[in-house]
Amino acid sequence: MPRTRAADVLSRQLLRSATSIGENYREANRGVSRADFANKIGTVQKEAAETQYGVELLIESSIAKPSVVDLHQEASELLAIFTAIGKKLKA
């Protein structure tokens, strides 16, 4: 990515939300109850959605290279997985 203020801000935020997915999922697996697990999975869903949005911003602004589309696909798949887990927990 180019070294511009916008690229720096977006890439830092994307890094934070993307790493937060793994951190919160790890915490969810260490949950002390089903409700605790469900709550933390909800946080994982939010971070996955934020990551997906961040990648969309990079694509739409043409800041990143076209290979970022693969990251968008992966973020979408992760969001779908965690959404399915969240729905199953509510059922």
PDB file of N, CA and C in Angstrom:
ATOM      1  N   MET A   1       0.840  -1.186   0.000  1.00  0.00           N
ATOM      2  CA  MET A   1       0.000   0.000   0.000  1.00  0.00           C
ATOM      3  C   MET A   1       0.879   1.241   0.000  1.00  0.00           C
ATOM      4  N   PRO A   2       0.370   2.299  -0.584  1.00  0.00           N
ATOM      5  CA  PRO A   2       1.143   3.541  -0.583  1.00  0.00           C
ATOM      6  C   PRO A   2       1.226   4.115   0.835  1.00  0.00           C
ATOM      7  N   ARG A   3       2.234   4.913   1.054  1.00  0.00           N
ATOM      8  CA  ARG A   3       2.411   5.537   2.370  1.00  0.00           C
ATOM      9  C   ARG A   3       1.727   6.899   2.365  1.00  0.00           C
ATOM     10  N   THR A   4       0.426   6.882   2.598  1.00  0.00           N
ATOM     11  CA  THR A   4      -0.333   8.121   2.733  1.00  0.00           C
ATOM     12  C   THR A   4      -1.023   8.087   4.080  1.00  0.00           C
ATOM     13  N   ARG A   5      -1.470   9.228   4.518  1.00  0.00           N
ATOM     14  CA  ARG A   5      -2.162   9.292   5.816  1.00  0.00           C
ATOM     15  C   ARG A   5      -3.403   8.405   5.806  1.00  0.00           C
ATOM     16  N   ALA A   6      -4.190   8.468   4.747  1.00  0.00           N
ATOM     17  CA  ALA A   6      -5.408   7.653   4.666  1.00  0.00           C
ATOM     18  C   ALA A   6      -5.068   6.169   4.689  1.00  0.00           C
ATOM     19  N   ALA A   7      -4.067   5.769   3.948  1.00  0.00           N
ATOM     20  CA  ALA A   7      -3.671   4.362   3.918  1.00  0.00           C
ATOM     21  C   ALA A   7      -3.176   3.914   5.287  1.00  0.00           C
ATOM     22  N   ASP A   8      -2.409   4.757   5.959  1.00  0.00           N
ATOM     23  CA  ASP A   8      -1.907   4.415   7.292  1.00  0.00           C
ATOM     24  C   ASP A   8      -3.040   4.241   8.294  1.00  0.00           C
ATOM     25  N   VAL A   9      -3.997   5.162   8.276  1.00  0.00           N
ATOM     26  CA  VAL A   9      -5.128   5.094   9.204  1.00  0.00           C
ATOM     27  C   VAL A   9      -5.949   3.833   8.940  1.00  0.00           C
ATOM     28  N   LEU A  10      -6.283   3.592   7.675  1.00  0.00           N
ATOM     29  CA  LEU A  10      -7.085   2.418   7.328  1.00  0.00           C
ATOM     30  C   LEU A  10      -6.357   1.118   7.643  1.00  0.00           C
ATOM     31  N   SER A  11      -5.088   1.053   7.335  1.00  0.00           N
ATOM     32  CA  SER A  11      -4.352  -0.190   7.571  1.00  0.00           C
ATOM     33  C   SER A  11      -4.192  -0.475   9.061  1.00  0.00           C
ATOM     34  N   ARG A  12      -3.985   0.559   9.867  1.00  0.00           N
ATOM     35  CA  ARG A  12      -3.886   0.345  11.324  1.00  0.00           C
ATOM     36  C   ARG A  12      -5.209  -0.148  11.901  1.00  0.00           C
ATOM     37  N   GLN A  13      -6.311   0.474  11.478  1.00  0.00           N
ATOM     38  CA  GLN A  13      -7.615   0.062  11.966  1.00  0.00           C
ATOM     39  C   GLN A  13      -7.942  -1.361  11.507  1.00  0.00           C
ATOM     40  N   LEU A  14      -7.596  -1.670  10.270  1.00  0.00           N
ATOM     41  CA  LEU A  14      -7.830  -3.011   9.742  1.00  0.00           C
ATOM     42  C   LEU A  14      -7.021  -4.043  10.522  1.00  0.00           C
ATOM     43  N   LEU A  15      -5.798  -3.722  10.827  1.00  0.00           N
ATOM     44  CA  LEU A  15      -4.957  -4.629  11.609  1.00  0.00           C
ATOM     45  C   LEU A  15      -5.561  -4.871  12.995  1.00  0.00           C
ATOM     46  N   ARG A  16      -6.051  -3.805  13.627  1.00  0.00           N
ATOM     47  CA  ARG A  16      -6.650  -3.948  14.965  1.00  0.00           C
ATOM     48  C   ARG A  16      -7.892  -4.834  14.928  1.00  0.00           C
ATOM     49  N   SER A  17      -8.789  -4.581  13.986  1.00  0.00           N
ATOM     50  CA  SER A  17     -10.023  -5.360  13.946  1.00  0.00           C
ATOM     51  C   SER A  17      -9.750  -6.802  13.530  1.00  0.00           C
ATOM     52  N   ALA A  18      -8.828  -7.003  12.596  1.00  0.00           N
ATOM     53  CA  ALA A  18      -8.522  -8.359  12.130  1.00  0.00           C
ATOM     54  C   ALA A  18      -7.888  -9.201  13.238  1.00  0.00           C
ATOM     55  N   THR A  19      -6.956  -8.631  13.969  1.00  0.00           N
ATOM     56  CA  THR A  19      -6.331  -9.403  15.052  1.00  0.00           C
ATOM     57  C   THR A  19      -7.296  -9.602  16.212  1.00  0.00           C
ATOM     58  N   SER A  20      -8.236  -8.694  16.363  1.00  0.00           N
ATOM     59  CA  SER A  20      -9.224  -8.816  17.422  1.00  0.00           C
ATOM     60  C   SER A  20     -10.138 -10.024  17.213  1.00  0.00           C
ATOM     61  N   ILE A  21     -10.351 -10.408  15.961  1.00  0.00           N
ATOM     62  CA  ILE A  21     -11.174 -11.590  15.678  1.00  0.00           C
ATOM     63  C   ILE A  21     -10.573 -12.805  16.376  1.00  0.00           C
ATOM     64  N   GLY A  22      -9.306 -13.046  16.144  1.00  0.00           N
ATOM     65  CA  GLY A  22      -8.641 -14.198  16.750  1.00  0.00           C
ATOM     66  C   GLY A  22      -8.562 -14.109  18.256  1.00  0.00           C
ATOM     67  N   GLU A  23      -8.267 -12.922  18.763  1.00  0.00           N
ATOM     68  CA  GLU A  23      -8.161 -12.737  20.209  1.00  0.00           C
ATOM     69  C   GLU A  23      -9.495 -13.026  20.900  1.00  0.00           C
ATOM     70  N   ASN A  24     -10.569 -12.479  20.340  1.00  0.00           N
ATOM     71  CA  ASN A  24     -11.874 -12.674  20.961  1.00  0.00           C
ATOM     72  C   ASN A  24     -12.391 -14.096  20.781  1.00  0.00           C
ATOM     73  N   TYR A  25     -12.080 -14.724  19.661  1.00  0.00           N
ATOM     74  CA  TYR A  25     -12.489 -16.123  19.480  1.00  0.00           C
ATOM     75  C   TYR A  25     -11.774 -17.006  20.495  1.00  0.00           C
ATOM     76  N   ARG A  26     -10.526 -16.716  20.722  1.00  0.00           N
ATOM     77  CA  ARG A  26      -9.770 -17.485  21.724  1.00  0.00           C
ATOM     78  C   ARG A  26     -10.389 -17.306  23.112  1.00  0.00           C
ATOM     79  N   GLU A  27     -10.769 -16.084  23.425  1.00  0.00           N
ATOM     80  CA  GLU A  27     -11.434 -15.813  24.701  1.00  0.00           C
ATOM     81  C   GLU A  27     -12.783 -16.519  24.781  1.00  0.00           C
ATOM     82  N   ALA A  28     -13.513 -16.545  23.674  1.00  0.00           N
ATOM     83  CA  ALA A  28     -14.818 -17.219  23.654  1.00  0.00           C
ATOM     84  C   ALA A  28     -14.658 -18.697  23.988  1.00  0.00           C
ATOM     85  N   ASN A  29     -13.632 -19.309  23.446  1.00  0.00           N
ATOM     86  CA  ASN A  29     -13.405 -20.732  23.730  1.00  0.00           C
ATOM     87  C   ASN A  29     -13.004 -20.988  25.178  1.00  0.00           C
ATOM     88  N   ARG A  30     -12.607 -19.958  25.860  1.00  0.00           N
ATOM     89  CA  ARG A  30     -12.274 -20.080  27.283  1.00  0.00           C
ATOM     90  C   ARG A  30     -13.409 -19.551  28.156  1.00  0.00           C
ATOM     91  N   GLY A  31     -14.574 -19.341  27.544  1.00  0.00           N
ATOM     92  CA  GLY A  31     -15.729 -18.813  28.269  1.00  0.00           C
ATOM     93  C   GLY A  31     -16.127 -19.717  29.421  1.00  0.00           C
ATOM     94  N   VAL A  32     -16.633 -19.114  30.477  1.00  0.00           N
ATOM     95  CA  VAL A  32     -16.992 -19.876  31.671  1.00  0.00           C
ATOM     96  C   VAL A  32     -18.416 -20.423  31.601  1.00  0.00           C
ATOM     97  N   SER A  33     -19.193 -19.957  30.640  1.00  0.00           N
ATOM     98  CA  SER A  33     -20.568 -20.437  30.493  1.00  0.00           C
ATOM     99  C   SER A  33     -21.002 -20.282  29.039  1.00  0.00           C
ATOM    100  N   ARG A  34     -22.148 -20.861  28.739  1.00  0.00           N
ATOM    101  CA  ARG A  34     -22.687 -20.731  27.382  1.00  0.00           C
ATOM    102  C   ARG A  34     -23.001 -19.267  27.073  1.00  0.00           C
ATOM    103  N   ALA A  35     -23.528 -18.566  28.055  1.00  0.00           N
ATOM    104  CA  ALA A  35     -23.855 -17.144  27.863  1.00  0.00           C
ATOM    105  C   ALA A  35     -22.583 -16.329  27.627  1.00  0.00           C
ATOM    106  N   ASP A  36     -21.531 -16.629  28.344  1.00  0.00           N
ATOM    107  CA  ASP A  36     -20.257 -15.942  28.164  1.00  0.00           C
ATOM    108  C   ASP A  36     -19.709 -16.215  26.763  1.00  0.00           C
ATOM    109  N   PHE A  37     -19.786 -17.468  26.340  1.00  0.00           N
ATOM    110  CA  PHE A  37     -19.340 -17.841  24.992  1.00  0.00           C
ATOM    111  C   PHE A  37     -20.141 -17.079  23.942  1.00  0.00           C
ATOM    112  N   ALA A  38     -21.458 -17.043  24.099  1.00  0.00           N
ATOM    113  CA  ALA A  38     -22.333 -16.361  23.142  1.00  0.00           C
ATOM    114  C   ALA A  38     -22.012 -14.871  23.071  1.00  0.00           C
ATOM    115  N   ASN A  39     -21.781 -14.269  24.207  1.00  0.00           N
ATOM    116  CA  ASN A  39     -21.440 -12.848  24.257  1.00  0.00           C
ATOM    117  C   ASN A  39     -20.140 -12.568  23.505  1.00  0.00           C
ATOM    118  N   LYS A  40     -19.156 -13.399  23.729  1.00  0.00           N
ATOM    119  CA  LYS A  40     -17.862 -13.195  23.082  1.00  0.00           C
ATOM    120  C   LYS A  40     -17.916 -13.500  21.591  1.00  0.00           C
ATOM    121  N   ILE A  41     -18.745 -14.452  21.195  1.00  0.00           N
ATOM    122  CA  ILE A  41     -18.929 -14.721  19.767  1.00  0.00           C
ATOM    123  C   ILE A  41     -19.581 -13.510  19.103  1.00  0.00           C
ATOM    124  N   GLY A  42     -20.472 -12.846  19.819  1.00  0.00           N
ATOM    125  CA  GLY A  42     -21.071 -11.610  19.294  1.00  0.00           C
ATOM    126  C   GLY A  42     -20.022 -10.556  19.024  1.00  0.00           C
ATOM    127  N   THR A  43     -19.047 -10.454  19.920  1.00  0.00           N
ATOM    128  CA  THR A  43     -17.937  -9.507  19.723  1.00  0.00           C
ATOM    129  C   THR A  43     -17.103  -9.915  18.511  1.00  0.00           C
ATOM    130  N   VAL A  44     -16.887 -11.212  18.350  1.00  0.00           N
ATOM    131  CA  VAL A  44     -16.137 -11.707  17.192  1.00  0.00           C
ATOM    132  C   VAL A  44     -16.871 -11.333  15.904  1.00  0.00           C
ATOM    133  N   GLN A  45     -18.197 -11.492  15.893  1.00  0.00           N
ATOM    134  CA  GLN A  45     -18.985 -11.118  14.718  1.00  0.00           C
ATOM    135  C   GLN A  45     -18.805  -9.636  14.385  1.00  0.00           C
ATOM    136  N   LYS A  46     -18.856  -8.794  15.401  1.00  0.00           N
ATOM    137  CA  LYS A  46     -18.701  -7.356  15.182  1.00  0.00           C
ATOM    138  C   LYS A  46     -17.333  -7.031  14.599  1.00  0.00           C
ATOM    139  N   GLU A  47     -16.295  -7.655  15.126  1.00  0.00           N
ATOM    140  CA  GLU A  47     -14.939  -7.403  14.632  1.00  0.00           C
ATOM    141  C   GLU A  47     -14.768  -7.929  13.210  1.00  0.00           C
ATOM    142  N   ALA A  48     -15.389  -9.071  12.895  1.00  0.00           N
ATOM    143  CA  ALA A  48     -15.314  -9.616  11.534  1.00  0.00           C
ATOM    144  C   ALA A  48     -16.018  -8.678  10.550  1.00  0.00           C
ATOM    145  N   ALA A  49     -17.160  -8.139  10.961  1.00  0.00           N
ATOM    146  CA  ALA A  49     -17.879  -7.188  10.105  1.00  0.00           C
ATOM    147  C   ALA A  49     -17.064  -5.914   9.911  1.00  0.00           C
ATOM    148  N   GLU A  50     -16.408  -5.457  10.966  1.00  0.00           N
ATOM    149  CA  GLU A  50     -15.568  -4.260  10.870  1.00  0.00           C
ATOM    150  C   GLU A  50     -14.377  -4.510   9.947  1.00  0.00           C
ATOM    151  N   THR A  51     -13.802  -5.689  10.038  1.00  0.00           N
ATOM    152  CA  THR A  51     -12.682  -6.043   9.170  1.00  0.00           C
ATOM    153  C   THR A  51     -13.131  -6.083   7.714  1.00  0.00           C
ATOM    154  N   GLN A  52     -14.279  -6.696   7.476  1.00  0.00           N
ATOM    155  CA  GLN A  52     -14.825  -6.753   6.122  1.00  0.00           C
ATOM    156  C   GLN A  52     -15.026  -5.339   5.574  1.00  0.00           C
ATOM    157  N   TYR A  53     -15.573  -4.469   6.380  1.00  0.00           N
ATOM    158  CA  TYR A  53     -15.801  -3.081   5.973  1.00  0.00           C
ATOM    159  C   TYR A  53     -14.476  -2.369   5.674  1.00  0.00           C
ATOM    160  N   GLY A  54     -13.480  -2.603   6.509  1.00  0.00           N
ATOM    161  CA  GLY A  54     -12.173  -1.982   6.294  1.00  0.00           C
ATOM    162  C   GLY A  54     -11.557  -2.399   4.966  1.00  0.00           C
ATOM    163  N   VAL A  55     -11.688  -3.671   4.639  1.00  0.00           N
ATOM    164  CA  VAL A  55     -11.169  -4.158   3.360  1.00  0.00           C
ATOM    165  C   VAL A  55     -11.963  -3.533   2.212  1.00  0.00           C
ATOM    166  N   GLU A  56     -13.279  -3.400   2.386  1.00  0.00           N
ATOM    167  CA  GLU A  56     -14.103  -2.757   1.354  1.00  0.00           C
ATOM    168  C   GLU A  56     -13.653  -1.312   1.119  1.00  0.00           C
ATOM    169  N   LEU A  57     -13.322  -0.607   2.186  1.00  0.00           N
ATOM    170  CA  LEU A  57     -12.837   0.765   2.034  1.00  0.00           C
ATOM    171  C   LEU A  57     -11.538   0.809   1.249  1.00  0.00           C
ATOM    172  N   LEU A  58     -10.647  -0.126   1.542  1.00  0.00           N
ATOM    173  CA  LEU A  58      -9.376  -0.168   0.809  1.00  0.00           C
ATOM    174  C   LEU A  58      -9.605  -0.443  -0.675  1.00  0.00           C
ATOM    175  N   ILE A  59     -10.531  -1.345  -0.970  1.00  0.00           N
ATOM    176  CA  ILE A  59     -10.817  -1.685  -2.366  1.00  0.00           C
ATOM    177  C   ILE A  59     -11.460  -0.500  -3.083  1.00  0.00           C
ATOM    178  N   GLU A  60     -12.490   0.070  -2.482  1.00  0.00           N
ATOM    179  CA  GLU A  60     -13.237   1.148  -3.126  1.00  0.00           C
ATOM    180  C   GLU A  60     -12.414   2.425  -3.294  1.00  0.00           C
ATOM    181  N   SER A  61     -11.481   2.655  -2.395  1.00  0.00           N
ATOM    182  CA  SER A  61     -10.658   3.856  -2.488  1.00  0.00           C
ATOM    183  C   SER A  61      -9.442   3.653  -3.391  1.00  0.00           C
ATOM    184  N   SER A  62      -9.252   2.433  -3.857  1.00  0.00           N
ATOM    185  CA  SER A  62      -8.107   2.071  -4.707  1.00  0.00           C
ATOM    186  C   SER A  62      -6.772   2.291  -4.002  1.00  0.00           C
ATOM    187  N   ILE A  63      -6.795   2.260  -2.681  1.00  0.00           N
ATOM    188  CA  ILE A  63      -5.551   2.416  -1.919  1.00  0.00           C
ATOM    189  C   ILE A  63      -4.711   1.146  -1.999  1.00  0.00           C
ATOM    190  N   ALA A  64      -5.380  -0.001  -1.938  1.00  0.00           N
ATOM    191  CA  ALA A  64      -4.662  -1.271  -1.912  1.00  0.00           C
ATOM    192  C   ALA A  64      -4.632  -1.911  -3.292  1.00  0.00           C
ATOM    193  N   LYS A  65      -3.776  -2.888  -3.430  1.00  0.00           N
ATOM    194  CA  LYS A  65      -3.661  -3.622  -4.678  1.00  0.00           C
ATOM    195  C   LYS A  65      -4.881  -4.538  -4.852  1.00  0.00           C
ATOM    196  N   PRO A  66      -5.160  -4.961  -6.084  1.00  0.00           N
ATOM    197  CA  PRO A  66      -6.310  -5.831  -6.336  1.00  0.00           C
ATOM    198  C   PRO A  66      -6.279  -7.150  -5.556  1.00  0.00           C
ATOM    199  N   SER A  67      -5.110  -7.587  -5.119  1.00  0.00           N
ATOM    200  CA  SER A  67      -5.011  -8.848  -4.367  1.00  0.00           C
ATOM    201  C   SER A  67      -5.754  -8.782  -3.035  1.00  0.00           C
ATOM    202  N   VAL A  68      -6.132  -7.585  -2.616  1.00  0.00           N
ATOM    203  CA  VAL A  68      -6.876  -7.417  -1.369  1.00  0.00           C
ATOM    204  C   VAL A  68      -8.265  -8.047  -1.475  1.00  0.00           C
ATOM    205  N   VAL A  69      -8.731  -8.277  -2.683  1.00  0.00           N
ATOM    206  CA  VAL A  69     -10.039  -8.909  -2.887  1.00  0.00           C
ATOM    207  C   VAL A  69     -10.065 -10.278  -2.201  1.00  0.00           C
ATOM    208  N   ASP A  70      -8.943 -10.983  -2.196  1.00  0.00           N
ATOM    209  CA  ASP A  70      -8.868 -12.272  -1.492  1.00  0.00           C
ATOM    210  C   ASP A  70      -9.111 -12.093  -0.001  1.00  0.00           C
ATOM    211  N   LEU A  71      -8.602 -11.005   0.559  1.00  0.00           N
ATOM    212  CA  LEU A  71      -8.836 -10.725   1.976  1.00  0.00           C
ATOM    213  C   LEU A  71     -10.311 -10.448   2.241  1.00  0.00           C
ATOM    214  N   HIS A  72     -10.958  -9.782   1.313  1.00  0.00           N
ATOM    215  CA  HIS A  72     -12.385  -9.508   1.469  1.00  0.00           C
ATOM    216  C   HIS A  72     -13.171 -10.813   1.484  1.00  0.00           C
ATOM    217  N   GLN A  73     -12.808 -11.738   0.610  1.00  0.00           N
ATOM    218  CA  GLN A  73     -13.482 -13.037   0.566  1.00  0.00           C
ATOM    219  C   GLN A  73     -13.287 -13.773   1.888  1.00  0.00           C
ATOM    220  N   GLU A  74     -12.077 -13.753   2.403  1.00  0.00           N
ATOM    221  CA  GLU A  74     -11.800 -14.435   3.669  1.00  0.00           C
ATOM    222  C   GLU A  74     -12.555 -13.785   4.818  1.00  0.00           C
ATOM    223  N   ALA A  75     -12.591 -12.460   4.851  1.00  0.00           N
ATOM    224  CA  ALA A  75     -13.339 -11.757   5.898  1.00  0.00           C
ATOM    225  C   ALA A  75     -14.825 -12.095   5.815  1.00  0.00           C
ATOM    226  N   SER A  76     -15.355 -12.202   4.615  1.00  0.00           N
ATOM    227  CA  SER A  76     -16.762 -12.551   4.420  1.00  0.00           C
ATOM    228  C   SER A  76     -17.042 -13.967   4.906  1.00  0.00           C
ATOM    229  N   GLU A  77     -16.131 -14.874   4.628  1.00  0.00           N
ATOM    230  CA  GLU A  77     -16.299 -16.259   5.076  1.00  0.00           C
ATOM    231  C   GLU A  77     -16.248 -16.354   6.599  1.00  0.00           C
ATOM    232  N   LEU A  78     -15.312 -15.635   7.209  1.00  0.00           N
ATOM    233  CA  LEU A  78     -15.240 -15.641   8.673  1.00  0.00           C
ATOM    234  C   LEU A  78     -16.508 -15.061   9.286  1.00  0.00           C
ATOM    235  N   LEU A  79     -16.990 -13.983   8.723  1.00  0.00           N
ATOM    236  CA  LEU A  79     -18.220 -13.379   9.222  1.00  0.00           C
ATOM    237  C   LEU A  79     -19.376 -14.368   9.115  1.00  0.00           C
ATOM    238  N   ALA A  80     -19.471 -15.084   8.006  1.00  0.00           N
ATOM    239  CA  ALA A  80     -20.532 -16.070   7.825  1.00  0.00           C
ATOM    240  C   ALA A  80     -20.427 -17.191   8.859  1.00  0.00           C
ATOM    241  N   ILE A  81     -19.217 -17.642   9.126  1.00  0.00           N
ATOM    242  CA  ILE A  81     -19.014 -18.713  10.114  1.00  0.00           C
ATOM    243  C   ILE A  81     -19.451 -18.255  11.500  1.00  0.00           C
ATOM    244  N   PHE A  82     -18.998 -17.082  11.912  1.00  0.00           N
ATOM    245  CA  PHE A  82     -19.322 -16.617  13.263  1.00  0.00           C
ATOM    246  C   PHE A  82     -20.789 -16.219  13.394  1.00  0.00           C
ATOM    247  N   THR A  83     -21.383 -15.771  12.307  1.00  0.00           N
ATOM    248  CA  THR A  83     -22.818 -15.476  12.326  1.00  0.00           C
ATOM    249  C   THR A  83     -23.609 -16.768  12.500  1.00  0.00           C
ATOM    250  N   ALA A  84     -23.187 -17.822  11.807  1.00  0.00           N
ATOM    251  CA  ALA A  84     -23.861 -19.120  11.940  1.00  0.00           C
ATOM    252  C   ALA A  84     -23.728 -19.656  13.364  1.00  0.00           C
ATOM    253  N   ILE A  85     -22.569 -19.497  13.957  1.00  0.00           N
ATOM    254  CA  ILE A  85     -22.375 -19.934  15.352  1.00  0.00           C
ATOM    255  C   ILE A  85     -23.305 -19.151  16.262  1.00  0.00           C
ATOM    256  N   GLY A  86     -23.352 -17.829  16.071  1.00  0.00           N
ATOM    257  CA  GLY A  86     -24.215 -16.984  16.898  1.00  0.00           C
ATOM    258  C   GLY A  86     -25.678 -17.364  16.771  1.00  0.00           C
ATOM    259  N   LYS A  87     -26.133 -17.632  15.561  1.00  0.00           N
ATOM    260  CA  LYS A  87     -27.529 -18.027  15.349  1.00  0.00           C
ATOM    261  C   LYS A  87     -27.822 -19.361  15.991  1.00  0.00           C
ATOM    262  N   LYS A  88     -26.902 -20.291  15.886  1.00  0.00           N
ATOM    263  CA  LYS A  88     -27.096 -21.620  16.482  1.00  0.00           C
ATOM    264  C   LYS A  88     -27.180 -21.520  18.002  1.00  0.00           C
ATOM    265  N   LEU A  89     -26.401 -20.626  18.577  1.00  0.00           N
ATOM    266  CA  LEU A  89     -26.439 -20.446  20.027  1.00  0.00           C
ATOM    267  C   LEU A  89     -27.781 -19.879  20.491  1.00  0.00           C
ATOM    268  N   LYS A  90     -28.395 -19.048  19.642  1.00  0.00           N
ATOM    269  CA  LYS A  90     -29.675 -18.438  20.005  1.00  0.00           C
ATOM    270  C   LYS A  90     -30.846 -19.379  19.809  1.00  0.00           C
ATOM    271  N   ALA A  91     -30.638 -20.416  18.971  1.00  0.00           N
ATOM    272  CA  ALA A  91     -31.728 -21.361  18.676  1.00  0.00           C
ATOM    273  C   ALA A  91     -31.954 -22.342  19.816  1.00  0.00           C
TER     274      ALA A  91
END
